[in-house]
Every structure is written in C-alpha cells, then in structure tokens.
PDB file of N, CA and C in Angstrom:
ATOM      1  N   MET A   1     -28.461  -2.582 -47.303  1.00  0.00           N
ATOM      2  CA  MET A   1     -28.951  -3.799 -46.700  1.00  0.00           C
ATOM      3  C   MET A   1     -30.255  -3.503 -45.967  1.00  0.00           C
ATOM      4  N   ALA A   2     -31.162  -4.435 -46.028  1.00  0.00           N
ATOM      5  CA  ALA A   2     -32.451  -4.289 -45.362  1.00  0.00           C
ATOM      6  C   ALA A   2     -32.844  -5.618 -44.729  1.00  0.00           C
ATOM      7  N   ILE A   3     -33.554  -5.517 -43.626  1.00  0.00           N
ATOM      8  CA  ILE A   3     -34.086  -6.691 -42.938  1.00  0.00           C
ATOM      9  C   ILE A   3     -35.574  -6.443 -42.739  1.00  0.00           C
ATOM     10  N   LEU A   4     -36.390  -7.406 -43.132  1.00  0.00           N
ATOM     11  CA  LEU A   4     -37.829  -7.307 -42.922  1.00  0.00           C
ATOM     12  C   LEU A   4     -38.244  -8.367 -41.917  1.00  0.00           C
ATOM     13  N   LEU A   5     -38.808  -7.925 -40.800  1.00  0.00           N
ATOM     14  CA  LEU A   5     -39.411  -8.838 -39.832  1.00  0.00           C
ATOM     15  C   LEU A   5     -40.902  -8.861 -40.144  1.00  0.00           C
ATOM     16  N   TYR A   6     -41.447 -10.037 -40.366  1.00  0.00           N
ATOM     17  CA  TYR A   6     -42.850 -10.139 -40.772  1.00  0.00           C
ATOM     18  C   TYR A   6     -43.494 -11.355 -40.129  1.00  0.00           C
ATOM     19  N   ASN A   7     -44.828 -11.387 -40.160  1.00  0.00           N
ATOM     20  CA  ASN A   7     -45.542 -12.588 -39.735  1.00  0.00           C
ATOM     21  C   ASN A   7     -46.500 -13.000 -40.844  1.00  0.00           C
ATOM     22  N   ASP A   8     -47.291 -14.016 -40.599  1.00  0.00           N
ATOM     23  CA  ASP A   8     -48.149 -14.574 -41.646  1.00  0.00           C
ATOM     24  C   ASP A   8     -49.156 -13.580 -42.212  1.00  0.00           C
ATOM     25  N   GLY A   9     -49.518 -12.548 -41.477  1.00  0.00           N
ATOM     26  CA  GLY A   9     -50.494 -11.571 -41.943  1.00  0.00           C
ATOM     27  C   GLY A   9     -49.903 -10.461 -42.800  1.00  0.00           C
ATOM     28  N   ASP A  10     -48.617 -10.518 -43.075  1.00  0.00           N
ATOM     29  CA  ASP A  10     -47.928  -9.443 -43.794  1.00  0.00           C
ATOM     30  C   ASP A  10     -47.575  -9.812 -45.232  1.00  0.00           C
ATOM     31  N   ALA A  11     -48.400 -10.615 -45.872  1.00  0.00           N
ATOM     32  CA  ALA A  11     -48.090 -11.118 -47.213  1.00  0.00           C
ATOM     33  C   ALA A  11     -47.897 -10.003 -48.238  1.00  0.00           C
ATOM     34  N   ASP A  12     -48.697  -8.933 -48.167  1.00  0.00           N
ATOM     35  CA  ASP A  12     -48.577  -7.838 -49.142  1.00  0.00           C
ATOM     36  C   ASP A  12     -47.216  -7.158 -49.061  1.00  0.00           C
ATOM     37  N   VAL A  13     -46.804  -6.810 -47.848  1.00  0.00           N
ATOM     38  CA  VAL A  13     -45.512  -6.149 -47.665  1.00  0.00           C
ATOM     39  C   VAL A  13     -44.381  -7.092 -48.056  1.00  0.00           C
ATOM     40  N   LEU A  14     -44.501  -8.342 -47.688  1.00  0.00           N
ATOM     41  CA  LEU A  14     -43.472  -9.331 -48.021  1.00  0.00           C
ATOM     42  C   LEU A  14     -43.267  -9.414 -49.530  1.00  0.00           C
ATOM     43  N   GLU A  15     -44.354  -9.471 -50.282  1.00  0.00           N
ATOM     44  CA  GLU A  15     -44.266  -9.541 -51.745  1.00  0.00           C
ATOM     45  C   GLU A  15     -43.610  -8.290 -52.330  1.00  0.00           C
ATOM     46  N   ILE A  16     -43.979  -7.121 -51.821  1.00  0.00           N
ATOM     47  CA  ILE A  16     -43.412  -5.861 -52.320  1.00  0.00           C
ATOM     48  C   ILE A  16     -41.919  -5.780 -52.029  1.00  0.00           C
ATOM     49  N   ILE A  17     -41.525  -6.147 -50.818  1.00  0.00           N
ATOM     50  CA  ILE A  17     -40.099  -6.106 -50.470  1.00  0.00           C
ATOM     51  C   ILE A  17     -39.319  -7.089 -51.335  1.00  0.00           C
ATOM     52  N   ARG A  18     -39.871  -8.264 -51.577  1.00  0.00           N
ATOM     53  CA  ARG A  18     -39.187  -9.238 -52.451  1.00  0.00           C
ATOM     54  C   ARG A  18     -38.943  -8.660 -53.846  1.00  0.00           C
ATOM     55  N   LYS A  19     -39.901  -7.880 -54.359  1.00  0.00           N
ATOM     56  CA  LYS A  19     -39.764  -7.291 -55.695  1.00  0.00           C
ATOM     57  C   LYS A  19     -38.806  -6.111 -55.712  1.00  0.00           C
ATOM     58  N   LEU A  20     -38.915  -5.234 -54.707  1.00  0.00           N
ATOM     59  CA  LEU A  20     -38.188  -3.970 -54.735  1.00  0.00           C
ATOM     60  C   LEU A  20     -36.819  -4.016 -54.068  1.00  0.00           C
ATOM     61  N   ILE A  21     -36.658  -4.879 -53.092  1.00  0.00           N
ATOM     62  CA  ILE A  21     -35.372  -5.006 -52.399  1.00  0.00           C
ATOM     63  C   ILE A  21     -35.028  -6.498 -52.351  1.00  0.00           C
ATOM     64  N   PRO A  22     -34.657  -7.070 -53.493  1.00  0.00           N
ATOM     65  CA  PRO A  22     -34.473  -8.518 -53.574  1.00  0.00           C
ATOM     66  C   PRO A  22     -33.383  -9.074 -52.658  1.00  0.00           C
ATOM     67  N   ASN A  23     -32.434  -8.253 -52.248  1.00  0.00           N
ATOM     68  CA  ASN A  23     -31.376  -8.762 -51.373  1.00  0.00           C
ATOM     69  C   ASN A  23     -31.694  -8.580 -49.889  1.00  0.00           C
ATOM     70  N   ALA A  24     -32.916  -8.151 -49.571  1.00  0.00           N
ATOM     71  CA  ALA A  24     -33.315  -7.976 -48.170  1.00  0.00           C
ATOM     72  C   ALA A  24     -33.352  -9.328 -47.468  1.00  0.00           C
ATOM     73  N   LYS A  25     -32.954  -9.321 -46.218  1.00  0.00           N
ATOM     74  CA  LYS A  25     -33.069 -10.515 -45.377  1.00  0.00           C
ATOM     75  C   LYS A  25     -34.506 -10.563 -44.871  1.00  0.00           C
ATOM     76  N   LEU A  26     -35.161 -11.691 -45.047  1.00  0.00           N
ATOM     77  CA  LEU A  26     -36.554 -11.853 -44.643  1.00  0.00           C
ATOM     78  C   LEU A  26     -36.607 -12.772 -43.431  1.00  0.00           C
ATOM     79  N   VAL A  27     -37.179 -12.278 -42.340  1.00  0.00           N
ATOM     80  CA  VAL A  27     -37.217 -13.034 -41.095  1.00  0.00           C
ATOM     81  C   VAL A  27     -38.664 -13.153 -40.636  1.00  0.00           C
ATOM     82  N   ARG A  28     -39.172 -14.378 -40.629  1.00  0.00           N
ATOM     83  CA  ARG A  28     -40.544 -14.617 -40.169  1.00  0.00           C
ATOM     84  C   ARG A  28     -40.519 -14.724 -38.649  1.00  0.00           C
ATOM     85  N   VAL A  29     -41.406 -13.975 -37.994  1.00  0.00           N
ATOM     86  CA  VAL A  29     -41.498 -13.998 -36.536  1.00  0.00           C
ATOM     87  C   VAL A  29     -42.919 -14.365 -36.125  1.00  0.00           C
ATOM     88  N   GLU A  30     -43.038 -14.896 -34.928  1.00  0.00           N
ATOM     89  CA  GLU A  30     -44.358 -15.178 -34.387  1.00  0.00           C
ATOM     90  C   GLU A  30     -45.026 -13.862 -34.034  1.00  0.00           C
ATOM     91  N   SER A  31     -46.291 -13.798 -34.210  1.00  0.00           N
ATOM     92  CA  SER A  31     -47.045 -12.589 -33.900  1.00  0.00           C
ATOM     93  C   SER A  31     -47.047 -12.354 -32.391  1.00  0.00           C
ATOM     94  N   THR A  32     -46.756 -11.115 -32.002  1.00  0.00           N
ATOM     95  CA  THR A  32     -46.836 -10.750 -30.585  1.00  0.00           C
ATOM     96  C   THR A  32     -47.679  -9.494 -30.456  1.00  0.00           C
ATOM     97  N   ASP A  33     -48.318  -9.342 -29.330  1.00  0.00           N
ATOM     98  CA  ASP A  33     -49.201  -8.193 -29.119  1.00  0.00           C
ATOM     99  C   ASP A  33     -48.447  -6.890 -28.918  1.00  0.00           C
ATOM    100  N   ASP A  34     -47.215  -6.959 -28.439  1.00  0.00           N
ATOM    101  CA  ASP A  34     -46.509  -5.734 -28.087  1.00  0.00           C
ATOM    102  C   ASP A  34     -45.433  -5.319 -29.084  1.00  0.00           C
ATOM    103  N   ALA A  35     -45.343  -5.995 -30.212  1.00  0.00           N
ATOM    104  CA  ALA A  35     -44.322  -5.650 -31.209  1.00  0.00           C
ATOM    105  C   ALA A  35     -44.991  -5.327 -32.542  1.00  0.00           C
ATOM    106  N   PRO A  36     -44.537  -4.260 -33.213  1.00  0.00           N
ATOM    107  CA  PRO A  36     -45.119  -3.927 -34.515  1.00  0.00           C
ATOM    108  C   PRO A  36     -44.705  -4.933 -35.578  1.00  0.00           C
ATOM    109  N   SER A  37     -45.585  -5.157 -36.512  1.00  0.00           N
ATOM    110  CA  SER A  37     -45.267  -6.043 -37.622  1.00  0.00           C
ATOM    111  C   SER A  37     -46.039  -5.535 -38.823  1.00  0.00           C
ATOM    112  N   PRO A  38     -45.480  -5.460 -39.967  1.00  0.00           N
ATOM    113  CA  PRO A  38     -44.090  -5.768 -40.300  1.00  0.00           C
ATOM    114  C   PRO A  38     -43.155  -4.651 -39.830  1.00  0.00           C
ATOM    115  N   LEU A  39     -41.871  -4.972 -39.801  1.00  0.00           N
ATOM    116  CA  LEU A  39     -40.855  -4.019 -39.380  1.00  0.00           C
ATOM    117  C   LEU A  39     -39.710  -4.096 -40.381  1.00  0.00           C
ATOM    118  N   LEU A  40     -39.415  -2.974 -41.027  1.00  0.00           N
ATOM    119  CA  LEU A  40     -38.330  -2.901 -42.004  1.00  0.00           C
ATOM    120  C   LEU A  40     -37.175  -2.129 -41.383  1.00  0.00           C
ATOM    121  N   ILE A  41     -36.013  -2.761 -41.334  1.00  0.00           N
ATOM    122  CA  ILE A  41     -34.817  -2.147 -40.773  1.00  0.00           C
ATOM    123  C   ILE A  41     -33.845  -1.913 -41.923  1.00  0.00           C
ATOM    124  N   THR A  42     -33.447  -0.654 -42.109  1.00  0.00           N
ATOM    125  CA  THR A  42     -32.521  -0.299 -43.187  1.00  0.00           C
ATOM    126  C   THR A  42     -31.432   0.610 -42.629  1.00  0.00           C
ATOM    127  N   GLU A  43     -30.481   0.959 -43.479  1.00  0.00           N
ATOM    128  CA  GLU A  43     -29.442   1.903 -43.065  1.00  0.00           C
ATOM    129  C   GLU A  43     -30.024   3.299 -42.823  1.00  0.00           C
ATOM    130  N   ASP A  44     -31.240   3.543 -43.318  1.00  0.00           N
ATOM    131  CA  ASP A  44     -31.903   4.838 -43.141  1.00  0.00           C
ATOM    132  C   ASP A  44     -32.749   4.918 -41.878  1.00  0.00           C
ATOM    133  N   GLY A  45     -33.030   3.777 -41.255  1.00  0.00           N
ATOM    134  CA  GLY A  45     -33.851   3.782 -40.054  1.00  0.00           C
ATOM    135  C   GLY A  45     -34.712   2.540 -39.935  1.00  0.00           C
ATOM    136  N   VAL A  46     -35.662   2.608 -39.018  1.00  0.00           N
ATOM    137  CA  VAL A  46     -36.580   1.503 -38.751  1.00  0.00           C
ATOM    138  C   VAL A  46     -37.988   1.989 -39.084  1.00  0.00           C
ATOM    139  N   PHE A  47     -38.721   1.194 -39.861  1.00  0.00           N
ATOM    140  CA  PHE A  47     -40.044   1.586 -40.340  1.00  0.00           C
ATOM    141  C   PHE A  47     -41.035   0.461 -40.063  1.00  0.00           C
ATOM    142  N   SER A  48     -42.238   0.829 -39.624  1.00  0.00           N
ATOM    143  CA  SER A  48     -43.256  -0.187 -39.373  1.00  0.00           C
ATOM    144  C   SER A  48     -44.551   0.195 -40.075  1.00  0.00           C
ATOM    145  N   GLY A  49     -45.353  -0.810 -40.365  1.00  0.00           N
ATOM    146  CA  GLY A  49     -46.660  -0.579 -40.971  1.00  0.00           C
ATOM    147  C   GLY A  49     -46.603   0.294 -42.211  1.00  0.00           C
ATOM    148  N   TYR A  50     -47.459   1.324 -42.242  1.00  0.00           N
ATOM    149  CA  TYR A  50     -47.543   2.189 -43.417  1.00  0.00           C
ATOM    150  C   TYR A  50     -46.303   3.052 -43.613  1.00  0.00           C
ATOM    151  N   GLU A  51     -45.483   3.204 -42.563  1.00  0.00           N
ATOM    152  CA  GLU A  51     -44.213   3.924 -42.727  1.00  0.00           C
ATOM    153  C   GLU A  51     -43.343   3.256 -43.793  1.00  0.00           C
ATOM    154  N   ILE A  52     -43.495   1.949 -43.948  1.00  0.00           N
ATOM    155  CA  ILE A  52     -42.708   1.213 -44.950  1.00  0.00           C
ATOM    156  C   ILE A  52     -43.040   1.728 -46.344  1.00  0.00           C
ATOM    157  N   TYR A  53     -44.335   1.919 -46.636  1.00  0.00           N
ATOM    158  CA  TYR A  53     -44.734   2.408 -47.959  1.00  0.00           C
ATOM    159  C   TYR A  53     -44.201   3.817 -48.201  1.00  0.00           C
ATOM    160  N   SER A  54     -44.263   4.666 -47.173  1.00  0.00           N
ATOM    161  CA  SER A  54     -43.725   6.027 -47.301  1.00  0.00           C
ATOM    162  C   SER A  54     -42.229   5.989 -47.573  1.00  0.00           C
ATOM    163  N   TYR A  55     -41.525   5.141 -46.866  1.00  0.00           N
ATOM    164  CA  TYR A  55     -40.077   5.009 -47.066  1.00  0.00           C
ATOM    165  C   TYR A  55     -39.769   4.561 -48.496  1.00  0.00           C
ATOM    166  N   LEU A  56     -40.494   3.575 -48.990  1.00  0.00           N
ATOM    167  CA  LEU A  56     -40.248   3.072 -50.348  1.00  0.00           C
ATOM    168  C   LEU A  56     -40.507   4.157 -51.390  1.00  0.00           C
ATOM    169  N   ARG A  57     -41.564   4.953 -51.187  1.00  0.00           N
ATOM    170  CA  ARG A  57     -41.836   6.065 -52.110  1.00  0.00           C
ATOM    171  C   ARG A  57     -40.721   7.104 -52.055  1.00  0.00           C
ATOM    172  N   GLU A  58     -40.266   7.451 -50.852  1.00  0.00           N
ATOM    173  CA  GLU A  58     -39.172   8.422 -50.693  1.00  0.00           C
ATOM    174  C   GLU A  58     -37.906   7.970 -51.409  1.00  0.00           C
ATOM    175  N   LYS A  59     -37.652   6.673 -51.391  1.00  0.00           N
ATOM    176  CA  LYS A  59     -36.452   6.129 -52.023  1.00  0.00           C
ATOM    177  C   LYS A  59     -36.594   6.065 -53.541  1.00  0.00           C
ATOM    178  N   GLY A  60     -37.779   6.429 -54.054  1.00  0.00           N
ATOM    179  CA  GLY A  60     -37.979   6.461 -55.496  1.00  0.00           C
ATOM    180  C   GLY A  60     -38.210   5.100 -56.121  1.00  0.00           C
ATOM    181  N   LEU A  61     -38.631   4.150 -55.311  1.00  0.00           N
ATOM    182  CA  LEU A  61     -38.914   2.827 -55.853  1.00  0.00           C
ATOM    183  C   LEU A  61     -40.237   2.882 -56.614  1.00  0.00           C
ATOM    184  N   PRO A  62     -40.446   1.996 -57.585  1.00  0.00           N
ATOM    185  CA  PRO A  62     -41.615   2.073 -58.476  1.00  0.00           C
ATOM    186  C   PRO A  62     -42.940   2.226 -57.725  1.00  0.00           C
ATOM    187  N   SER A  63     -43.587   3.367 -57.932  1.00  0.00           N
ATOM    188  CA  SER A  63     -44.798   3.676 -57.175  1.00  0.00           C
ATOM    189  C   SER A  63     -45.959   2.749 -57.505  1.00  0.00           C
ATOM    190  N   ASP A  64     -45.999   2.196 -58.712  1.00  0.00           N
ATOM    191  CA  ASP A  64     -47.101   1.288 -59.036  1.00  0.00           C
ATOM    192  C   ASP A  64     -47.034   0.033 -58.176  1.00  0.00           C
ATOM    193  N   ILE A  65     -45.845  -0.441 -57.882  1.00  0.00           N
ATOM    194  CA  ILE A  65     -45.700  -1.621 -57.023  1.00  0.00           C
ATOM    195  C   ILE A  65     -45.978  -1.244 -55.574  1.00  0.00           C
ATOM    196  N   VAL A  66     -45.483  -0.095 -55.134  1.00  0.00           N
ATOM    197  CA  VAL A  66     -45.700   0.343 -53.754  1.00  0.00           C
ATOM    198  C   VAL A  66     -47.183   0.524 -53.490  1.00  0.00           C
ATOM    199  N   ARG A  67     -47.933   1.097 -54.439  1.00  0.00           N
ATOM    200  CA  ARG A  67     -49.369   1.334 -54.262  1.00  0.00           C
ATOM    201  C   ARG A  67     -50.154   0.039 -54.100  1.00  0.00           C
ATOM    202  N   GLN A  68     -49.674  -1.067 -54.652  1.00  0.00           N
ATOM    203  CA  GLN A  68     -50.394  -2.336 -54.548  1.00  0.00           C
ATOM    204  C   GLN A  68     -50.622  -2.735 -53.096  1.00  0.00           C
ATOM    205  N   GLY A  69     -49.701  -2.404 -52.234  1.00  0.00           N
ATOM    206  CA  GLY A  69     -49.806  -2.818 -50.840  1.00  0.00           C
ATOM    207  C   GLY A  69     -50.616  -1.904 -49.963  1.00  0.00           C
ATOM    208  N   GLU A  70     -50.921  -0.709 -50.425  1.00  0.00           N
ATOM    209  CA  GLU A  70     -51.639   0.245 -49.577  1.00  0.00           C
ATOM    210  C   GLU A  70     -53.121  -0.042 -49.530  1.00  0.00           C
TER     211      GLU A  70
END
C-alpha cells in the first residue's frame, strides 16, 4: 500500500505514481512552506522529492517511466 501526498505543482510525480502504483491512495494537499511535497508513504518508509525516484528505481519499477519525472 502506498499513499502519495501531492499539490498542484507535483503533476509529474502524480502521473508516474498513477502508472507504477495504480492502487496508491492519492491525497491532494494545499501547499505549505514547512512541509515537503510530494510525499510518498509506503511500507518501506517515507520518501519526498527526488527520494521518490530513487525508491521507485530500487523497487525495480520500469526505469523508462521513472526517468520521465527526473
């Protein structure tokens, strides 16, 4: 199970998560200055920003799709 917290500026990550983790819960949040966005919460940990791409690569998800967001 995965939860993605995102805001309007996170369209690239949102699209990638929809493709690679289709059962992820997607939660749109208002942008705040003191909270990282996007934030991916999984059973493996919590990942923000570029850590999300590293996590997806580690999990062996299709690298061509992961590279699109970098």
